[in-house]
Amino acid sequence: MSLLKLISVDIFLRALCILTLLGIIFTIFLAIYIYRKRSLYKHIPGPKIDSFFTGNLPSINKQIYVHKRALSELWYDWHMEFGPVFVIWAFFTPIVTVLDPEDIKKLLITLNLPKSARTYNKLAYPYGHRFTGNGILTELNHGIWKKKRSRLDKAFHRSYLINLMASFNGICNVFLDKIGKLADGKTEVEMSEEFGRVTLDVIGKVGFGIDINAVENASSPFPIAVSKTLEGVQTFFRNPLSFIQVWNWPYQNDVIRKIQYLRQFAQDVIEKRIINGSNGHKDILTHLVSLKESNENDDYNMESMVDDFVTFFVAGQETTSNQLAFTLFEILDHPDINNKVIEEVEHILGDRKFVAYEDIGKLEYLGMTLKESLRMHPPIGGTQRMLTKQETIGGYVIPENTPIYVSFYLTHNSPLNWKEPEVFEPRRFELKNKTGRSSTVYTPFSTGPRSCIGKTLAEFEARVIMARLFQEFELELVPGQKLEKVEQITIRPKGGVKCLIKRRKK
């Protein structure tokens, strides 16, 4: 062997030794860091750690991918074992879950904790590409968010939404025409998909003055892009390192193309509105344009407008469609509730094929049924905030800079907060039964300053669609279905809600 080769081998072995030594030192320091960090939380109950380095992720992944369970259901099991405050570990990051109404009030209202960048940036920039960006849901700067929220509140005010009843009813009629073509009593209709399409059409029309036509055209690229993007965001949430996995690149590229399509679609709609003017429209888009044109908002550019456009479409469609699907299943699974809903709809609407604003408040039992559905099956499992300083929560001292998961799902389904929470009972929401109940025991739209801006719109939309659906049709569940959940950003019925439908006899 030549001298040159001997020198090369020696250099290689030396480098290998140095790298090995550095690796050992790094591992030792990392282990010390993890041990010391976990010692800060050892007084808080929680599931046993599966792996020193990955924490509870092995158990979580097993439940999601092997047992096909919704994450919120696993969290429920841990709540029942460890109580109203518990900690889990994702690698060396602690996540403290809370569900007590008074703790929620403190965290989301009194302290108004900021949203966790670690969580919301994944929705804002999946695979490094701008999706919701700095939209009203994912904006982390409270000052900027507050300015934007104050302007956009006008677009969701009840007085404005009253003027949209004709639009709600018009789109609902198109939806009912579509269902009518399938109402032979024999065809299985997957209602989750149909609700997804009609809610897209509603937000398109009442929010942005555009016709998506998702109900009439199931192959429309817009709903397909929304569905694929949300699926991709969920994949990115569960595996943040997937963007460096070469075998996942074709899938990621498809998701990125869908994101680009949605954002380009949004930009085209916005530019058209800017050129043509509002023409009497007083919708969400009108207020987005006014934000841009205001001298107070120099930083609100086209990209920011697209952020909010995409946010409203995704948040407004996905949550309401899932609420409708869960509500339909529960109504049809409870004959007594089904009969009461039908009786009320017949009494309030009669033969009238239009739900007026005045009818919304009169549909009391339907409203309670929708609320009970949101209690048992909140479309959003919770919100993650960041503790800015050490606080005592639920009797436990929690260090600063701790991610806090406020679980709406657990709060709504815990026997600590509700009597027989597993029973679907709309009359929980009768006025006499609400007396003495904490205002933060029921928070499907979150609570505090950053609660959902579209709450009233969602309530109007859901009551119009459900009232007209039960007015026109007799529905029954396809036998053999079991209500199970799957969690992909939002919580939805696993396998959908399959129905047999007939026109109601007059």
Foldseek 3Di string as FASTA:
>chain_A
DDPVVVVVVVVVVVVVVVVVVVVVVVVVVVLVVLVVLVVQCPVFAWDDFPDSQQWNLVVQCCCCPVVVAASLVVVLVGCVVRHQWHWTDGGSAIAIEGQDLVLLCCDCAVVVFFFDCVQLVLVQQPLNHGFLPCALQSNRPVVVNVVLLVLLLVQQDPVNVLVCQVVLLVLLVLLVVLVQVQQPLPHKDQQLLSLLQSLLQSCCCQAQNDGQCCNVPVPRLLSVLLVLLLLSSLVCSSPVPVSVVVVCVVSVVVNNVSSVVLLVVQLVSLVVCVVVDCVPRPHSSNSLVVLCVDPVRVVSDSVRSSSHVSVCSNVRRQQLSQLLQLLVVVLQVDVVLVVVQLVQLCVQQPPNSGQHPVVLVSSVSVLLSSQLSCLQFQFAQWGKGFAQAWDQRPNDTDGHRHIYTHGSNCLSQPCVQDPPSVDRDSCCPPPVNCPPHRPRSHQSQRDHPSGHSNVVVSSSSSVSNVSNVSNFKDKHFDPPDDFGWHDSSTIHGVPGTIIRIHTDDD
